[in-house]
Amino acid sequence: MYIHRLVFLLILTIFLLSPAIMEWWLGPRSAWYRPYLIWAGVILIAYWLERKTRLK
């Protein structure tokens, strides 16, 4: 079964937004820029996957 890469990325993003991850992500001892790094990573992966798909 083939899962489209962007659907996989959506599932991964939903996992990142789960309550357990949100506690770690926004905890009092976490760096203020951690959410921005995670979202930048998600955006870069989506861009890379979409670019790779369009080149075929």
C-alpha atoms as a PDB file:
ATOM      1  CA  MET A   1       0.000   0.000   0.000  1.00  0.00           C
ATOM      2  CA  TYR A   2       1.410   3.345  -1.060  1.00  0.00           C
ATOM      3  CA  ILE A   3       0.949   6.296   1.304  1.00  0.00           C
ATOM      4  CA  HIS A   4       1.435   9.687  -0.291  1.00  0.00           C
ATOM      5  CA  ARG A   5       4.374  11.449   1.323  1.00  0.00           C
ATOM      6  CA  LEU A   6       2.427  14.562   2.257  1.00  0.00           C
ATOM      7  CA  VAL A   7      -0.236  12.433   3.969  1.00  0.00           C
ATOM      8  CA  PHE A   8       2.545  10.809   5.958  1.00  0.00           C
ATOM      9  CA  LEU A   9       3.817  14.267   6.876  1.00  0.00           C
ATOM     10  CA  LEU A  10       0.298  15.247   8.004  1.00  0.00           C
ATOM     11  CA  ILE A  11       0.150  12.195  10.258  1.00  0.00           C
ATOM     12  CA  LEU A  12       3.563  13.058  11.668  1.00  0.00           C
ATOM     13  CA  THR A  13       2.439  16.640  12.323  1.00  0.00           C
ATOM     14  CA  ILE A  14      -0.693  15.464  14.126  1.00  0.00           C
ATOM     15  CA  PHE A  15       1.535  13.267  16.245  1.00  0.00           C
ATOM     16  CA  LEU A  16       3.664  16.295  17.087  1.00  0.00           C
ATOM     17  CA  LEU A  17       0.586  18.121  18.284  1.00  0.00           C
ATOM     18  CA  SER A  18      -0.558  15.340  20.614  1.00  0.00           C
ATOM     19  CA  PRO A  19      -0.918  16.326  24.297  1.00  0.00           C
ATOM     20  CA  ALA A  20       2.156  14.402  25.467  1.00  0.00           C
ATOM     21  CA  ILE A  21       4.362  16.127  22.927  1.00  0.00           C
ATOM     22  CA  MET A  22       2.772  19.514  23.687  1.00  0.00           C
ATOM     23  CA  GLU A  23       3.861  19.201  27.334  1.00  0.00           C
ATOM     24  CA  TRP A  24       7.451  18.544  26.270  1.00  0.00           C
ATOM     25  CA  TRP A  25       7.275  21.181  23.579  1.00  0.00           C
ATOM     26  CA  LEU A  26       5.942  23.973  25.779  1.00  0.00           C
ATOM     27  CA  GLY A  27       7.378  22.894  29.136  1.00  0.00           C
ATOM     28  CA  PRO A  28       8.779  25.517  31.511  1.00  0.00           C
ATOM     29  CA  ARG A  29      12.360  24.360  30.989  1.00  0.00           C
ATOM     30  CA  SER A  30      12.214  24.271  27.198  1.00  0.00           C
ATOM     31  CA  ALA A  31      13.833  26.822  24.941  1.00  0.00           C
ATOM     32  CA  TRP A  32      11.537  29.517  23.533  1.00  0.00           C
ATOM     33  CA  TYR A  33      12.514  28.685  19.967  1.00  0.00           C
ATOM     34  CA  ARG A  34      11.782  24.929  20.103  1.00  0.00           C
ATOM     35  CA  PRO A  35       8.275  25.208  18.518  1.00  0.00           C
ATOM     36  CA  TYR A  36       9.708  27.302  15.687  1.00  0.00           C
ATOM     37  CA  LEU A  37      12.430  24.738  14.984  1.00  0.00           C
ATOM     38  CA  ILE A  38       9.909  21.904  14.886  1.00  0.00           C
ATOM     39  CA  TRP A  39       7.582  23.781  12.511  1.00  0.00           C
ATOM     40  CA  ALA A  40      10.494  24.847  10.331  1.00  0.00           C
ATOM     41  CA  GLY A  41      11.485  21.205  10.068  1.00  0.00           C
ATOM     42  CA  VAL A  42       7.941  20.186   9.087  1.00  0.00           C
ATOM     43  CA  ILE A  43       7.792  22.933   6.441  1.00  0.00           C
ATOM     44  CA  LEU A  44      11.202  22.011   5.018  1.00  0.00           C
ATOM     45  CA  ILE A  45      10.275  18.334   4.808  1.00  0.00           C
ATOM     46  CA  ALA A  46       6.991  19.210   3.040  1.00  0.00           C
ATOM     47  CA  TYR A  47       8.853  21.427   0.573  1.00  0.00           C
ATOM     48  CA  TRP A  48      11.458  18.752  -0.099  1.00  0.00           C
ATOM     49  CA  LEU A  49       8.829  16.035  -0.609  1.00  0.00           C
ATOM     50  CA  GLU A  50       6.709  18.181  -2.916  1.00  0.00           C
ATOM     51  CA  ARG A  51       9.737  19.275  -4.943  1.00  0.00           C
ATOM     52  CA  LYS A  52      10.910  15.694  -5.281  1.00  0.00           C
ATOM     53  CA  THR A  53       7.425  14.637  -6.456  1.00  0.00           C
ATOM     54  CA  ARG A  54       7.188  17.388  -9.080  1.00  0.00           C
ATOM     55  CA  LEU A  55      10.600  16.582 -10.570  1.00  0.00           C
ATOM     56  CA  LYS A  56       9.470  13.070 -11.589  1.00  0.00           C
END
